[in-house]
Amino acid sequence: MGRGDKKSAKGKRTIGSFGNTRSRKKIKARLKRVASVKKSATTSGDAKPKTKRVVKKKDSAE
């Protein structure tokens, strides 16, 4: 299973073909999802940043 293998995604990339292992629809859908997540993350940057929670230390029971 390497670069020359026609059935693996790595082999498909090397050969430059698309198939069941590396279909164009799946790749384009994944790129769309990533782009929409990045876009939504930048637009929500105007909101307040989360504050750190401070945990109080327990008094030692002596």
N, C-alpha and C. Protein backbone atom coordinates (compact mmCIF):
# COMPACT_ATOMS: atom_id res chain seq x y z
N MET A 1 0.84 -1.18 0.00
CA MET A 1 0.00 0.00 0.00
C MET A 1 0.89 1.24 0.00
N GLY A 2 1.11 1.75 -1.15
CA GLY A 2 1.98 2.92 -1.22
C GLY A 2 1.61 3.81 -2.39
N ARG A 3 2.63 4.46 -2.90
CA ARG A 3 2.39 5.42 -3.97
C ARG A 3 1.91 4.77 -5.25
N GLY A 4 2.37 3.57 -5.53
CA GLY A 4 2.01 2.91 -6.78
C GLY A 4 0.71 2.16 -6.72
N ASP A 5 0.11 2.06 -5.54
CA ASP A 5 -1.09 1.26 -5.37
C ASP A 5 -2.30 2.01 -5.91
N LYS A 6 -2.99 1.40 -6.86
CA LYS A 6 -4.14 2.06 -7.50
C LYS A 6 -5.37 2.12 -6.59
N LYS A 7 -5.40 1.31 -5.52
CA LYS A 7 -6.58 1.26 -4.67
C LYS A 7 -6.51 2.19 -3.47
N SER A 8 -5.32 2.70 -3.15
CA SER A 8 -5.19 3.56 -1.98
C SER A 8 -5.31 5.03 -2.39
N ALA A 9 -5.64 5.86 -1.43
CA ALA A 9 -5.78 7.30 -1.71
C ALA A 9 -4.44 7.89 -2.09
N LYS A 10 -3.38 7.41 -1.47
CA LYS A 10 -2.03 7.91 -1.78
C LYS A 10 -1.66 7.57 -3.23
N GLY A 11 -2.00 6.36 -3.63
CA GLY A 11 -1.74 5.94 -5.01
C GLY A 11 -2.56 6.75 -6.00
N LYS A 12 -3.80 7.04 -5.64
CA LYS A 12 -4.66 7.84 -6.52
C LYS A 12 -4.07 9.24 -6.70
N ARG A 13 -3.56 9.81 -5.60
CA ARG A 13 -2.94 11.15 -5.68
C ARG A 13 -1.72 11.12 -6.59
N THR A 14 -0.89 10.09 -6.46
CA THR A 14 0.32 9.99 -7.26
C THR A 14 -0.02 9.83 -8.74
N ILE A 15 -0.96 8.95 -9.02
CA ILE A 15 -1.36 8.70 -10.40
C ILE A 15 -2.13 9.90 -10.95
N GLY A 16 -2.84 10.60 -10.07
CA GLY A 16 -3.61 11.78 -10.51
C GLY A 16 -5.01 11.42 -10.92
N SER A 17 -5.52 10.30 -10.43
CA SER A 17 -6.88 9.89 -10.79
C SER A 17 -7.79 9.99 -9.58
N PHE A 18 -9.08 9.99 -9.86
CA PHE A 18 -10.08 10.00 -8.81
C PHE A 18 -10.84 8.69 -8.90
N GLY A 19 -11.36 8.22 -7.80
CA GLY A 19 -12.10 6.96 -7.81
C GLY A 19 -12.89 6.84 -6.53
N ASN A 20 -13.27 5.62 -6.16
CA ASN A 20 -14.04 5.40 -4.95
C ASN A 20 -13.25 5.82 -3.71
N THR A 21 -11.97 5.58 -3.73
CA THR A 21 -11.14 5.91 -2.58
C THR A 21 -10.95 7.41 -2.44
N ARG A 22 -10.91 8.10 -3.56
CA ARG A 22 -10.62 9.54 -3.56
C ARG A 22 -11.58 10.23 -4.52
N SER A 23 -12.83 10.38 -4.09
CA SER A 23 -13.83 10.94 -5.00
C SER A 23 -13.86 12.46 -4.88
N ARG A 24 -14.11 13.12 -5.99
CA ARG A 24 -14.11 14.58 -6.03
C ARG A 24 -15.21 15.19 -5.17
N LYS A 25 -16.37 14.55 -5.15
CA LYS A 25 -17.49 15.07 -4.36
C LYS A 25 -17.13 15.14 -2.89
N LYS A 26 -16.51 14.08 -2.37
CA LYS A 26 -16.15 14.05 -0.96
C LYS A 26 -15.12 15.13 -0.64
N ILE A 27 -14.14 15.31 -1.53
CA ILE A 27 -13.08 16.29 -1.30
C ILE A 27 -13.67 17.70 -1.30
N LYS A 28 -14.53 18.00 -2.26
CA LYS A 28 -15.12 19.33 -2.36
C LYS A 28 -16.03 19.61 -1.16
N ALA A 29 -16.78 18.60 -0.72
CA ALA A 29 -17.66 18.77 0.44
C ALA A 29 -16.84 19.06 1.69
N ARG A 30 -15.72 18.37 1.85
CA ARG A 30 -14.85 18.57 3.01
C ARG A 30 -14.26 19.98 2.99
N LEU A 31 -13.83 20.44 1.82
CA LEU A 31 -13.27 21.79 1.71
C LEU A 31 -14.31 22.85 2.01
N LYS A 32 -15.55 22.63 1.59
CA LYS A 32 -16.64 23.56 1.88
C LYS A 32 -16.89 23.66 3.38
N ARG A 33 -16.92 22.50 4.05
CA ARG A 33 -17.15 22.48 5.50
C ARG A 33 -16.05 23.23 6.23
N VAL A 34 -14.80 23.00 5.86
CA VAL A 34 -13.68 23.65 6.52
C VAL A 34 -13.75 25.16 6.32
N ALA A 35 -14.09 25.59 5.11
CA ALA A 35 -14.18 27.01 4.81
C ALA A 35 -15.30 27.66 5.61
N SER A 36 -16.44 26.99 5.75
CA SER A 36 -17.55 27.57 6.49
C SER A 36 -17.24 27.65 7.98
N VAL A 37 -16.50 26.67 8.50
CA VAL A 37 -16.12 26.68 9.92
C VAL A 37 -15.16 27.84 10.18
N LYS A 38 -14.20 28.04 9.30
CA LYS A 38 -13.24 29.13 9.47
C LYS A 38 -13.94 30.47 9.38
N LYS A 39 -14.89 30.60 8.46
CA LYS A 39 -15.61 31.85 8.27
C LYS A 39 -16.45 32.18 9.50
N SER A 40 -17.12 31.19 10.06
CA SER A 40 -17.96 31.41 11.24
C SER A 40 -17.11 31.71 12.46
N ALA A 41 -15.91 31.14 12.53
CA ALA A 41 -15.03 31.38 13.67
C ALA A 41 -14.52 32.82 13.65
N THR A 42 -14.27 33.37 12.47
CA THR A 42 -13.77 34.75 12.40
C THR A 42 -14.88 35.75 12.67
N THR A 43 -16.11 35.44 12.31
CA THR A 43 -17.20 36.38 12.55
C THR A 43 -17.60 36.41 14.01
N SER A 44 -17.43 35.29 14.71
CA SER A 44 -17.79 35.27 16.13
C SER A 44 -16.65 35.79 17.00
N GLY A 45 -15.59 36.28 16.41
CA GLY A 45 -14.46 36.81 17.16
C GLY A 45 -14.78 38.12 17.86
N ASP A 46 -15.88 38.77 17.50
CA ASP A 46 -16.26 40.04 18.11
C ASP A 46 -16.84 39.84 19.52
N ALA A 47 -17.24 38.64 19.84
CA ALA A 47 -17.82 38.35 21.15
C ALA A 47 -16.74 38.41 22.22
N LYS A 48 -17.20 38.46 23.48
CA LYS A 48 -16.26 38.52 24.60
C LYS A 48 -15.42 37.25 24.66
N PRO A 49 -14.15 37.38 24.98
CA PRO A 49 -13.36 36.17 25.16
C PRO A 49 -13.75 35.49 26.48
N LYS A 50 -13.62 34.19 26.52
CA LYS A 50 -13.99 33.44 27.72
C LYS A 50 -13.03 33.78 28.85
N THR A 51 -13.59 33.91 30.05
CA THR A 51 -12.75 34.19 31.21
C THR A 51 -12.33 32.88 31.85
N LYS A 52 -11.17 32.90 32.46
CA LYS A 52 -10.68 31.70 33.11
C LYS A 52 -11.40 31.50 34.43
N ARG A 53 -11.72 30.26 34.74
CA ARG A 53 -12.35 29.94 36.01
C ARG A 53 -11.28 29.80 37.06
N VAL A 54 -11.51 30.42 38.19
CA VAL A 54 -10.57 30.33 39.29
C VAL A 54 -11.11 29.34 40.31
N VAL A 55 -10.31 28.37 40.64
CA VAL A 55 -10.72 27.34 41.60
C VAL A 55 -10.12 27.69 42.95
N LYS A 56 -11.01 27.75 43.94
CA LYS A 56 -10.54 28.08 45.29
C LYS A 56 -9.91 26.85 45.91
N LYS A 57 -8.80 27.07 46.62
CA LYS A 57 -8.15 25.95 47.29
C LYS A 57 -8.90 25.64 48.57
N LYS A 58 -9.00 24.36 48.88
CA LYS A 58 -9.69 23.93 50.10
C LYS A 58 -8.78 24.14 51.30
N ASP A 59 -9.40 24.55 52.41
CA ASP A 59 -8.63 24.68 53.66
C ASP A 59 -8.31 23.29 54.17
N SER A 60 -7.11 23.13 54.63
CA SER A 60 -6.75 21.81 55.15
C SER A 60 -7.38 21.60 56.51
N ALA A 61 -8.06 20.47 56.70
CA ALA A 61 -8.73 20.15 57.97
C ALA A 61 -7.74 19.49 58.90
N GLU A 62 -7.37 20.21 59.94
CA GLU A 62 -6.37 19.68 60.86
C GLU A 62 -7.01 19.31 62.18
